[in-house]
Amino acid sequence: MESTGNTRLFHDAVIEHVARVAVVNPSQFKVISQSVKKTDKNDAELLALYLAKGLMPEVRIKERKQREMSHLAQTRDLLVKQRSALKAKINNLLSAEGINLKREALSSNKALERVLALPLSPLMRAEACVLVGQIRGLNQSIGELEELIEEEGPKFAGHANLMSIKGIGSVSAAVLLSVIGDIHDFSDAGKLAAYLGLVPRVQNSNETEHSGRITKQGNKLARTCLVQCALVAKRYSSFLQNFYQRIQRRRGGGKANIALARKFLGVIYHTLKKQLGVRRLPQLRPGLLKTGQNLTLSRQLFMGVRI
């Protein structure tokens, strides 16, 4: 069947009565959408034909708990973006009156009270009151969602392992696990990186090879979360810090962020795959690795050594 809005409902209803349910990724399978004979019978025959030949681009169906956590995290992200937009609106409102606030000036209830105490015209004060009220409501809703995520997150396999890595908190660990699902679905870290859209587009023709921007396929929230965790993690590792600065000097900050996230994802992959914990980040340089040297797993992860 093709992936639609109610695919998971159908999957859960029939999975106990069949050997396997194959869900097709319509964005990668254009045979049906571009067919000149668009009938249910013809679509079913095409799906059966490509499935029998092993040419079907299938979608991973994760467990119900992981799906629910993913939806919960996406709702929280939506509310956070709405709150940021409202804060930007207040900053623009005050800036027009010559009042410039710092970025963190609206991060607490006391700060919001100070905004309402500013000398504003009646109309602007009314607008500010509405915006502040909306921000307070969003703060409460976001807090409730974060409590749920922190409560349910530890129930996922691998949550404690990810929490052992500096740079990953309880909410971030739950978000990443809800998107990754079963780590054994990926044979190596490169497959996981491709699933999250962190690999470059490749175009090869004869002797010409070109690598473009990252594909950005997969879950955008997971990519954002991974980049944020990696930027925190590099504060505790001279190896990650040096790697980031080296890429930043050559390619710029944006590409350095993605490269750092890609390397940090390798640490996450091996930590989940081996069910291990990384208590602290190693302070190693590539030149210190010698042939036959016995490294701990955590050091091998950060050195990029294949395990």
C-alpha atoms as a PDB file:
ATOM      1  CA  MET A   1       0.000   0.000   0.000  1.00  0.00           C
ATOM      2  CA  GLU A   2       1.038   3.614  -0.516  1.00  0.00           C
ATOM      3  CA  SER A   3       1.927   5.831   2.427  1.00  0.00           C
ATOM      4  CA  THR A   4      -1.008   8.108   3.290  1.00  0.00           C
ATOM      5  CA  GLY A   5      -2.364   9.919   6.322  1.00  0.00           C
ATOM      6  CA  ASN A   6      -4.113   6.826   7.732  1.00  0.00           C
ATOM      7  CA  THR A   7      -1.457   4.276   6.767  1.00  0.00           C
ATOM      8  CA  ARG A   8      -0.542   3.518  10.385  1.00  0.00           C
ATOM      9  CA  LEU A   9      -4.187   2.830  11.244  1.00  0.00           C
ATOM     10  CA  PHE A  10      -4.469   0.307   8.410  1.00  0.00           C
ATOM     11  CA  HIS A  11      -1.071  -1.190   9.264  1.00  0.00           C
ATOM     12  CA  ASP A  12      -2.012  -1.801  12.910  1.00  0.00           C
ATOM     13  CA  ALA A  13      -5.337  -3.335  11.868  1.00  0.00           C
ATOM     14  CA  VAL A  14      -3.949  -5.934   9.434  1.00  0.00           C
ATOM     15  CA  ILE A  15      -0.427  -6.654  10.722  1.00  0.00           C
ATOM     16  CA  GLU A  16      -1.628  -9.549  12.925  1.00  0.00           C
ATOM     17  CA  HIS A  17      -3.411 -11.245  10.020  1.00  0.00           C
ATOM     18  CA  VAL A  18      -0.658 -11.174   7.363  1.00  0.00           C
ATOM     19  CA  ALA A  19       3.001 -12.149   7.135  1.00  0.00           C
ATOM     20  CA  ARG A  20       4.216  -8.617   6.349  1.00  0.00           C
ATOM     21  CA  VAL A  21       2.869  -5.199   5.440  1.00  0.00           C
ATOM     22  CA  ALA A  22       4.850  -3.284   2.806  1.00  0.00           C
ATOM     23  CA  VAL A  23       4.284   0.482   2.736  1.00  0.00           C
ATOM     24  CA  VAL A  24       5.506   2.312  -0.364  1.00  0.00           C
ATOM     25  CA  ASN A  25       7.194   5.716  -0.320  1.00  0.00           C
ATOM     26  CA  PRO A  26       5.233   7.638  -3.000  1.00  0.00           C
ATOM     27  CA  SER A  27       7.902  10.326  -3.332  1.00  0.00           C
ATOM     28  CA  GLN A  28      10.383   7.676  -4.520  1.00  0.00           C
ATOM     29  CA  PHE A  29       7.923   5.502  -6.444  1.00  0.00           C
ATOM     30  CA  LYS A  30       6.478   7.490  -9.358  1.00  0.00           C
ATOM     31  CA  VAL A  31       5.284   4.511 -11.387  1.00  0.00           C
ATOM     32  CA  ILE A  32       1.731   4.755 -10.069  1.00  0.00           C
ATOM     33  CA  SER A  33       1.362   8.537  -9.838  1.00  0.00           C
ATOM     34  CA  GLN A  34       2.614   9.008 -13.417  1.00  0.00           C
ATOM     35  CA  SER A  35       0.756   6.043 -14.876  1.00  0.00           C
ATOM     36  CA  VAL A  36      -1.622   6.771 -17.773  1.00  0.00           C
ATOM     37  CA  LYS A  37      -3.881   3.949 -16.581  1.00  0.00           C
ATOM     38  CA  LYS A  38      -4.785   4.978 -13.030  1.00  0.00           C
ATOM     39  CA  THR A  39      -7.075   2.255 -11.686  1.00  0.00           C
ATOM     40  CA  ASP A  40      -7.065   0.357  -8.407  1.00  0.00           C
ATOM     41  CA  LYS A  41      -6.524  -2.947 -10.202  1.00  0.00           C
ATOM     42  CA  ASN A  42      -3.597  -1.650 -12.265  1.00  0.00           C
ATOM     43  CA  ASP A  43      -2.040   0.032  -9.222  1.00  0.00           C
ATOM     44  CA  ALA A  44      -2.263  -3.205  -7.228  1.00  0.00           C
ATOM     45  CA  GLU A  45      -0.666  -5.180 -10.079  1.00  0.00           C
ATOM     46  CA  LEU A  46       2.219  -2.700 -10.324  1.00  0.00           C
ATOM     47  CA  LEU A  47       2.785  -2.757  -6.577  1.00  0.00           C
ATOM     48  CA  ALA A  48       2.810  -6.569  -6.549  1.00  0.00           C
ATOM     49  CA  LEU A  49       5.180  -6.710  -9.545  1.00  0.00           C
ATOM     50  CA  TYR A  50       7.780  -4.329  -8.081  1.00  0.00           C
ATOM     51  CA  LEU A  51       7.483  -5.888  -4.625  1.00  0.00           C
ATOM     52  CA  ALA A  52       8.150  -9.369  -6.061  1.00  0.00           C
ATOM     53  CA  LYS A  53      11.285  -8.083  -7.794  1.00  0.00           C
ATOM     54  CA  GLY A  54      12.554  -6.325  -4.686  1.00  0.00           C
ATOM     55  CA  LEU A  55      12.372  -2.879  -6.284  1.00  0.00           C
ATOM     56  CA  MET A  56       9.892  -1.327  -3.890  1.00  0.00           C
ATOM     57  CA  PRO A  57      11.060   1.748  -1.900  1.00  0.00           C
ATOM     58  CA  GLU A  58       9.458   0.942   1.434  1.00  0.00           C
ATOM     59  CA  VAL A  59       8.694   3.185   4.399  1.00  0.00           C
ATOM     60  CA  ARG A  60       9.707   2.150   7.911  1.00  0.00           C
ATOM     61  CA  ILE A  61       6.746   1.673  10.241  1.00  0.00           C
ATOM     62  CA  LYS A  62       7.857   2.248  13.806  1.00  0.00           C
ATOM     63  CA  GLU A  63       6.207   1.111  17.026  1.00  0.00           C
ATOM     64  CA  ARG A  64       3.188   2.977  18.317  1.00  0.00           C
ATOM     65  CA  LYS A  65       5.028   4.481  21.314  1.00  0.00           C
ATOM     66  CA  GLN A  66       7.759   5.850  19.046  1.00  0.00           C
ATOM     67  CA  ARG A  67       5.183   7.332  16.682  1.00  0.00           C
ATOM     68  CA  GLU A  68       3.334   8.996  19.538  1.00  0.00           C
ATOM     69  CA  MET A  69       6.548  10.423  20.972  1.00  0.00           C
ATOM     70  CA  SER A  70       7.498  11.749  17.536  1.00  0.00           C
ATOM     71  CA  HIS A  71       4.126  13.502  17.224  1.00  0.00           C
ATOM     72  CA  LEU A  72       4.505  14.913  20.729  1.00  0.00           C
ATOM     73  CA  ALA A  73       7.954  16.300  19.907  1.00  0.00           C
ATOM     74  CA  GLN A  74       6.686  17.858  16.682  1.00  0.00           C
ATOM     75  CA  THR A  75       3.839  19.556  18.548  1.00  0.00           C
ATOM     76  CA  ARG A  76       6.315  20.958  21.069  1.00  0.00           C
ATOM     77  CA  ASP A  77       8.516  22.215  18.229  1.00  0.00           C
ATOM     78  CA  LEU A  78       5.502  23.918  16.623  1.00  0.00           C
ATOM     79  CA  LEU A  79       4.645  25.704  19.859  1.00  0.00           C
ATOM     80  CA  VAL A  80       8.266  26.783  20.377  1.00  0.00           C
ATOM     81  CA  LYS A  81       8.327  28.319  16.893  1.00  0.00           C
ATOM     82  CA  GLN A  82       5.064  30.137  17.586  1.00  0.00           C
ATOM     83  CA  ARG A  83       6.487  31.492  20.829  1.00  0.00           C
ATOM     84  CA  SER A  84       9.619  32.699  19.034  1.00  0.00           C
ATOM     85  CA  ALA A  85       7.477  34.475  16.439  1.00  0.00           C
ATOM     86  CA  LEU A  86       5.510  36.246  19.174  1.00  0.00           C
ATOM     87  CA  LYS A  87       8.719  37.318  20.930  1.00  0.00           C
ATOM     88  CA  ALA A  88      10.021  38.697  17.641  1.00  0.00           C
ATOM     89  CA  LYS A  89       6.755  40.616  17.249  1.00  0.00           C
ATOM     90  CA  ILE A  90       7.214  42.216  20.670  1.00  0.00           C
ATOM     91  CA  ASN A  91      10.814  43.139  19.836  1.00  0.00           C
ATOM     92  CA  ASN A  92       9.685  44.778  16.594  1.00  0.00           C
ATOM     93  CA  LEU A  93       6.906  46.611  18.431  1.00  0.00           C
ATOM     94  CA  LEU A  94       9.286  48.042  21.011  1.00  0.00           C
ATOM     95  CA  SER A  95      12.035  48.722  18.490  1.00  0.00           C
ATOM     96  CA  ALA A  96       9.708  51.059  16.620  1.00  0.00           C
ATOM     97  CA  GLU A  97       9.544  53.125  19.840  1.00  0.00           C
ATOM     98  CA  GLY A  98      13.332  53.139  20.249  1.00  0.00           C
ATOM     99  CA  ILE A  99      13.323  50.422  22.937  1.00  0.00           C
ATOM    100  CA  ASN A 100      15.828  47.679  22.117  1.00  0.00           C
ATOM    101  CA  LEU A 101      15.728  44.492  24.139  1.00  0.00           C
ATOM    102  CA  LYS A 102      18.309  41.745  24.391  1.00  0.00           C
ATOM    103  CA  ARG A 103      17.488  38.324  22.961  1.00  0.00           C
ATOM    104  CA  GLU A 104      17.015  36.791  26.412  1.00  0.00           C
ATOM    105  CA  ALA A 105      14.919  39.717  27.698  1.00  0.00           C
ATOM    106  CA  LEU A 106      11.638  37.833  27.165  1.00  0.00           C
ATOM    107  CA  SER A 107      12.697  34.480  28.570  1.00  0.00           C
ATOM    108  CA  SER A 108      11.028  34.737  32.003  1.00  0.00           C
ATOM    109  CA  ASN A 109       7.782  35.950  33.576  1.00  0.00           C
ATOM    110  CA  LYS A 110       9.602  38.819  35.280  1.00  0.00           C
ATOM    111  CA  ALA A 111      10.944  39.954  31.928  1.00  0.00           C
ATOM    112  CA  LEU A 112       7.440  39.887  30.469  1.00  0.00           C
ATOM    113  CA  GLU A 113       6.194  41.957  33.418  1.00  0.00           C
ATOM    114  CA  ARG A 114       8.898  44.550  32.696  1.00  0.00           C
ATOM    115  CA  VAL A 115       7.677  44.787  29.124  1.00  0.00           C
ATOM    116  CA  LEU A 116       4.166  45.595  30.316  1.00  0.00           C
ATOM    117  CA  ALA A 117       5.589  48.251  32.655  1.00  0.00           C
ATOM    118  CA  LEU A 118       7.251  50.167  29.806  1.00  0.00           C
ATOM    119  CA  PRO A 119       5.836  53.587  28.840  1.00  0.00           C
ATOM    120  CA  LEU A 120       3.683  52.696  25.816  1.00  0.00           C
ATOM    121  CA  SER A 121       0.676  54.246  24.145  1.00  0.00           C
ATOM    122  CA  PRO A 122      -2.733  52.718  24.982  1.00  0.00           C
ATOM    123  CA  LEU A 123      -2.975  50.889  21.664  1.00  0.00           C
ATOM    124  CA  MET A 124       0.564  49.513  21.858  1.00  0.00           C
ATOM    125  CA  ARG A 125       0.049  48.503  25.487  1.00  0.00           C
ATOM    126  CA  ALA A 126      -3.091  46.582  24.524  1.00  0.00           C
ATOM    127  CA  GLU A 127      -1.205  44.793  21.753  1.00  0.00           C
ATOM    128  CA  ALA A 128       1.692  44.021  24.091  1.00  0.00           C
ATOM    129  CA  CYS A 129      -0.708  42.598  26.699  1.00  0.00           C
ATOM    130  CA  VAL A 130      -2.216  40.238  24.128  1.00  0.00           C
ATOM    131  CA  LEU A 131       1.220  39.089  22.930  1.00  0.00           C
ATOM    132  CA  VAL A 132       2.516  38.574  26.473  1.00  0.00           C
ATOM    133  CA  GLY A 133      -0.601  36.590  27.362  1.00  0.00           C
ATOM    134  CA  GLN A 134      -0.100  34.327  24.350  1.00  0.00           C
ATOM    135  CA  ILE A 135       3.556  33.780  25.268  1.00  0.00           C
ATOM    136  CA  ARG A 136       2.630  32.845  28.838  1.00  0.00           C
ATOM    137  CA  GLY A 137       0.064  30.354  27.570  1.00  0.00           C
ATOM    138  CA  LEU A 138       2.625  28.814  25.227  1.00  0.00           C
ATOM    139  CA  ASN A 139       5.184  28.636  28.031  1.00  0.00           C
ATOM    140  CA  GLN A 140       2.745  26.597  30.108  1.00  0.00           C
ATOM    141  CA  SER A 141       1.832  24.301  27.204  1.00  0.00           C
ATOM    142  CA  ILE A 142       5.469  23.744  26.238  1.00  0.00           C
ATOM    143  CA  GLY A 143       6.313  22.959  29.850  1.00  0.00           C
ATOM    144  CA  GLU A 144       3.545  20.352  30.022  1.00  0.00           C
ATOM    145  CA  LEU A 145       4.748  18.672  26.834  1.00  0.00           C
ATOM    146  CA  GLU A 146       8.346  18.647  28.041  1.00  0.00           C
ATOM    147  CA  GLU A 147       7.260  16.996  31.296  1.00  0.00           C
ATOM    148  CA  LEU A 148       5.529  14.264  29.284  1.00  0.00           C
ATOM    149  CA  ILE A 149       8.585  13.771  27.078  1.00  0.00           C
ATOM    150  CA  GLU A 150      10.926  13.579  30.069  1.00  0.00           C
ATOM    151  CA  GLU A 151       8.572  11.127  31.774  1.00  0.00           C
ATOM    152  CA  GLU A 152       8.090   8.799  28.797  1.00  0.00           C
ATOM    153  CA  GLY A 153      11.572   9.153  27.270  1.00  0.00           C
ATOM    154  CA  PRO A 154      13.415   6.854  29.717  1.00  0.00           C
ATOM    155  CA  LYS A 155      11.058   4.025  28.737  1.00  0.00           C
ATOM    156  CA  PHE A 156      12.706   3.829  25.299  1.00  0.00           C
ATOM    157  CA  ALA A 157      15.581   1.412  24.818  1.00  0.00           C
ATOM    158  CA  GLY A 158      18.861   3.304  24.572  1.00  0.00           C
ATOM    159  CA  HIS A 159      17.673   6.446  26.377  1.00  0.00           C
ATOM    160  CA  ALA A 160      20.162   6.040  29.220  1.00  0.00           C
ATOM    161  CA  ASN A 161      22.944   5.363  26.698  1.00  0.00           C
ATOM    162  CA  LEU A 162      22.274   8.617  24.856  1.00  0.00           C
ATOM    163  CA  MET A 163      21.984  10.517  28.132  1.00  0.00           C
ATOM    164  CA  SER A 164      25.514   9.387  28.972  1.00  0.00           C
ATOM    165  CA  ILE A 165      26.828  11.490  26.059  1.00  0.00           C
ATOM    166  CA  LYS A 166      27.519  15.074  27.026  1.00  0.00           C
ATOM    167  CA  GLY A 167      25.469  17.374  24.854  1.00  0.00           C
ATOM    168  CA  ILE A 168      22.324  15.211  24.817  1.00  0.00           C
ATOM    169  CA  GLY A 169      19.592  15.927  27.355  1.00  0.00           C
ATOM    170  CA  SER A 170      16.470  14.009  28.255  1.00  0.00           C
ATOM    171  CA  VAL A 171      14.202  15.733  25.703  1.00  0.00           C
ATOM    172  CA  SER A 172      16.787  15.510  22.919  1.00  0.00           C
ATOM    173  CA  ALA A 173      17.374  11.813  23.611  1.00  0.00           C
ATOM    174  CA  ALA A 174      13.639  11.092  23.432  1.00  0.00           C
ATOM    175  CA  VAL A 175      13.288  13.048  20.170  1.00  0.00           C
ATOM    176  CA  LEU A 176      16.211  11.249  18.521  1.00  0.00           C
ATOM    177  CA  LEU A 177      15.053   7.803  19.647  1.00  0.00           C
ATOM    178  CA  SER A 178      11.496   8.429  18.446  1.00  0.00           C
ATOM    179  CA  VAL A 179      12.844   9.203  14.965  1.00  0.00           C
ATOM    180  CA  ILE A 180      15.596   6.583  14.778  1.00  0.00           C
ATOM    181  CA  GLY A 181      13.425   3.717  16.019  1.00  0.00           C
ATOM    182  CA  ASP A 182      15.155   0.334  15.940  1.00  0.00           C
ATOM    183  CA  ILE A 183      18.879   1.007  15.476  1.00  0.00           C
ATOM    184  CA  HIS A 184      19.339  -2.481  14.024  1.00  0.00           C
ATOM    185  CA  ASP A 185      17.423  -1.373  10.924  1.00  0.00           C
ATOM    186  CA  PHE A 186      20.632   0.406   9.886  1.00  0.00           C
ATOM    187  CA  SER A 187      23.683  -1.660   8.952  1.00  0.00           C
ATOM    188  CA  ASP A 188      26.103   1.238   9.517  1.00  0.00           C
ATOM    189  CA  ALA A 189      26.225   4.880  10.537  1.00  0.00           C
ATOM    190  CA  GLY A 190      26.135   5.989   6.907  1.00  0.00           C
ATOM    191  CA  LYS A 191      22.717   4.412   6.426  1.00  0.00           C
ATOM    192  CA  LEU A 192      21.415   6.270   9.475  1.00  0.00           C
ATOM    193  CA  ALA A 193      22.892   9.533   8.175  1.00  0.00           C
ATOM    194  CA  ALA A 194      21.134   8.971   4.836  1.00  0.00           C
ATOM    195  CA  TYR A 195      17.866   8.274   6.665  1.00  0.00           C
ATOM    196  CA  LEU A 196      18.138  11.639   8.441  1.00  0.00           C
ATOM    197  CA  GLY A 197      19.133  13.465   5.246  1.00  0.00           C
ATOM    198  CA  LEU A 198      22.697  14.303   6.319  1.00  0.00           C
ATOM    199  CA  VAL A 199      24.458  12.889   3.243  1.00  0.00           C
ATOM    200  CA  PRO A 200      25.234  14.910   0.089  1.00  0.00           C
ATOM    201  CA  ARG A 201      23.480  14.448  -3.206  1.00  0.00           C
ATOM    202  CA  VAL A 202      25.724  12.583  -5.648  1.00  0.00           C
ATOM    203  CA  GLN A 203      25.676  12.822  -9.437  1.00  0.00           C
ATOM    204  CA  ASN A 204      28.042  10.510 -11.306  1.00  0.00           C
ATOM    205  CA  SER A 205      28.297  10.266 -15.066  1.00  0.00           C
ATOM    206  CA  ASN A 206      31.204   8.505 -16.774  1.00  0.00           C
ATOM    207  CA  GLU A 207      34.316  10.063 -15.184  1.00  0.00           C
ATOM    208  CA  THR A 208      32.470  13.074 -13.805  1.00  0.00           C
ATOM    209  CA  GLU A 209      31.527  13.010 -10.132  1.00  0.00           C
ATOM    210  CA  HIS A 210      29.728  15.813  -8.353  1.00  0.00           C
ATOM    211  CA  SER A 211      28.589  16.025  -4.720  1.00  0.00           C
ATOM    212  CA  GLY A 212      25.999  18.658  -3.885  1.00  0.00           C
ATOM    213  CA  ARG A 213      24.158  19.788  -0.809  1.00  0.00           C
ATOM    214  CA  ILE A 214      22.744  17.371   1.741  1.00  0.00           C
ATOM    215  CA  THR A 215      19.508  15.658   0.734  1.00  0.00           C
ATOM    216  CA  LYS A 216      17.512  16.914   3.760  1.00  0.00           C
ATOM    217  CA  GLN A 217      15.299  13.856   3.506  1.00  0.00           C
ATOM    218  CA  GLY A 218      13.773  12.470   6.655  1.00  0.00           C
ATOM    219  CA  ASN A 219      12.769  14.243   9.837  1.00  0.00           C
ATOM    220  CA  LYS A 220      13.736  17.935   9.966  1.00  0.00           C
ATOM    221  CA  LEU A 221      13.263  18.136  13.734  1.00  0.00           C
ATOM    222  CA  ALA A 222      15.731  15.289  14.261  1.00  0.00           C
ATOM    223  CA  ARG A 223      18.348  17.058  12.123  1.00  0.00           C
ATOM    224  CA  THR A 224      17.877  20.290  14.036  1.00  0.00           C
ATOM    225  CA  CYS A 225      18.075  18.477  17.367  1.00  0.00           C
ATOM    226  CA  LEU A 226      21.212  16.628  16.263  1.00  0.00           C
ATOM    227  CA  VAL A 227      22.970  19.835  15.189  1.00  0.00           C
ATOM    228  CA  GLN A 228      22.125  21.539  18.490  1.00  0.00           C
ATOM    229  CA  CYS A 229      23.399  18.577  20.520  1.00  0.00           C
ATOM    230  CA  ALA A 230      26.598  18.403  18.464  1.00  0.00           C
ATOM    231  CA  LEU A 231      27.310  22.112  19.009  1.00  0.00           C
ATOM    232  CA  VAL A 232      27.000  21.570  22.767  1.00  0.00           C
ATOM    233  CA  ALA A 233      29.102  18.397  22.684  1.00  0.00           C
ATOM    234  CA  LYS A 234      32.052  20.110  21.000  1.00  0.00           C
ATOM    235  CA  ARG A 235      32.491  22.279  24.090  1.00  0.00           C
ATOM    236  CA  TYR A 236      33.566  19.164  25.997  1.00  0.00           C
ATOM    237  CA  SER A 237      35.798  17.582  23.354  1.00  0.00           C
ATOM    238  CA  SER A 238      38.923  19.170  21.902  1.00  0.00           C
ATOM    239  CA  PHE A 239      38.757  16.642  19.050  1.00  0.00           C
ATOM    240  CA  LEU A 240      35.252  17.729  18.025  1.00  0.00           C
ATOM    241  CA  GLN A 241      36.183  21.371  18.571  1.00  0.00           C
ATOM    242  CA  ASN A 242      39.253  21.090  16.341  1.00  0.00           C
ATOM    243  CA  PHE A 243      37.284  19.174  13.720  1.00  0.00           C
ATOM    244  CA  TYR A 244      34.605  21.897  13.692  1.00  0.00           C
ATOM    245  CA  GLN A 245      37.126  24.744  13.452  1.00  0.00           C
ATOM    246  CA  ARG A 246      39.014  23.014  10.638  1.00  0.00           C
ATOM    247  CA  ILE A 247      35.845  22.665   8.548  1.00  0.00           C
ATOM    248  CA  GLN A 248      34.689  26.160   9.469  1.00  0.00           C
ATOM    249  CA  ARG A 249      37.885  27.759   8.176  1.00  0.00           C
ATOM    250  CA  ARG A 250      37.603  25.974   4.819  1.00  0.00           C
ATOM    251  CA  ARG A 251      33.849  25.738   4.222  1.00  0.00           C
ATOM    252  CA  GLY A 252      32.106  28.175   6.558  1.00  0.00           C
ATOM    253  CA  GLY A 253      29.973  27.819   9.669  1.00  0.00           C
ATOM    254  CA  GLY A 254      26.906  26.262   8.031  1.00  0.00           C
ATOM    255  CA  LYS A 255      28.763  23.345   6.456  1.00  0.00           C
ATOM    256  CA  ALA A 256      30.829  22.939   9.618  1.00  0.00           C
ATOM    257  CA  ASN A 257      27.618  22.491  11.640  1.00  0.00           C
ATOM    258  CA  ILE A 258      26.411  19.740   9.307  1.00  0.00           C
ATOM    259  CA  ALA A 259      29.802  18.002   9.245  1.00  0.00           C
ATOM    260  CA  LEU A 260      29.947  18.105  13.040  1.00  0.00           C
ATOM    261  CA  ALA A 261      26.417  16.695  13.306  1.00  0.00           C
ATOM    262  CA  ARG A 262      27.345  13.900  10.887  1.00  0.00           C
ATOM    263  CA  LYS A 263      30.370  12.919  12.965  1.00  0.00           C
ATOM    264  CA  PHE A 264      28.388  13.176  16.197  1.00  0.00           C
ATOM    265  CA  LEU A 265      25.728  10.917  14.678  1.00  0.00           C
ATOM    266  CA  GLY A 266      28.387   8.206  14.355  1.00  0.00           C
ATOM    267  CA  VAL A 267      28.876   8.380  18.128  1.00  0.00           C
ATOM    268  CA  ILE A 268      25.132   8.044  18.676  1.00  0.00           C
ATOM    269  CA  TYR A 269      24.916   5.117  16.259  1.00  0.00           C
ATOM    270  CA  HIS A 270      27.648   3.045  17.883  1.00  0.00           C
ATOM    271  CA  THR A 271      26.446   3.927  21.368  1.00  0.00           C
ATOM    272  CA  LEU A 272      22.974   2.576  20.565  1.00  0.00           C
ATOM    273  CA  LYS A 273      24.228  -0.348  18.500  1.00  0.00           C
ATOM    274  CA  LYS A 274      26.571  -1.603  21.230  1.00  0.00           C
ATOM    275  CA  GLN A 275      24.289  -0.495  24.104  1.00  0.00           C
ATOM    276  CA  LEU A 276      27.169   1.322  25.745  1.00  0.00           C
ATOM    277  CA  GLY A 277      27.630   4.621  27.528  1.00  0.00           C
ATOM    278  CA  VAL A 278      30.155   7.384  26.915  1.00  0.00           C
ATOM    279  CA  ARG A 279      30.879   8.940  30.287  1.00  0.00           C
ATOM    280  CA  ARG A 280      33.126  11.671  29.004  1.00  0.00           C
ATOM    281  CA  LEU A 281      34.336  12.925  25.677  1.00  0.00           C
ATOM    282  CA  PRO A 282      37.898  11.988  24.788  1.00  0.00           C
ATOM    283  CA  GLN A 283      40.613  14.582  24.350  1.00  0.00           C
ATOM    284  CA  LEU A 284      42.434  12.959  21.455  1.00  0.00           C
ATOM    285  CA  ARG A 285      44.062  14.030  18.217  1.00  0.00           C
ATOM    286  CA  PRO A 286      44.169  11.927  15.036  1.00  0.00           C
ATOM    287  CA  GLY A 287      47.973  11.851  15.181  1.00  0.00           C
ATOM    288  CA  LEU A 288      47.920  10.002  18.498  1.00  0.00           C
ATOM    289  CA  LEU A 289      46.452   6.850  16.954  1.00  0.00           C
ATOM    290  CA  LYS A 290      49.128   4.236  16.366  1.00  0.00           C
ATOM    291  CA  THR A 291      48.944   0.839  14.761  1.00  0.00           C
ATOM    292  CA  GLY A 292      47.927  -1.813  17.272  1.00  0.00           C
ATOM    293  CA  GLN A 293      47.065   0.731  19.929  1.00  0.00           C
ATOM    294  CA  ASN A 294      44.231  -0.466  22.163  1.00  0.00           C
ATOM    295  CA  LEU A 295      41.601   2.273  22.381  1.00  0.00           C
ATOM    296  CA  THR A 296      38.448   2.292  24.434  1.00  0.00           C
ATOM    297  CA  LEU A 297      35.188   2.212  22.531  1.00  0.00           C
ATOM    298  CA  SER A 298      34.323   5.818  23.334  1.00  0.00           C
ATOM    299  CA  ARG A 299      37.665   7.007  21.956  1.00  0.00           C
ATOM    300  CA  GLN A 300      37.253   4.906  18.831  1.00  0.00           C
ATOM    301  CA  LEU A 301      33.860   6.455  18.258  1.00  0.00           C
ATOM    302  CA  PHE A 302      35.175   9.992  18.343  1.00  0.00           C
ATOM    303  CA  MET A 303      38.225   9.102  16.294  1.00  0.00           C
ATOM    304  CA  GLY A 304      35.980   7.792  13.563  1.00  0.00           C
ATOM    305  CA  VAL A 305      37.497   4.305  13.692  1.00  0.00           C
ATOM    306  CA  ARG A 306      35.299   1.586  12.190  1.00  0.00           C
ATOM    307  CA  ILE A 307      34.219  -0.875  14.876  1.00  0.00           C
END
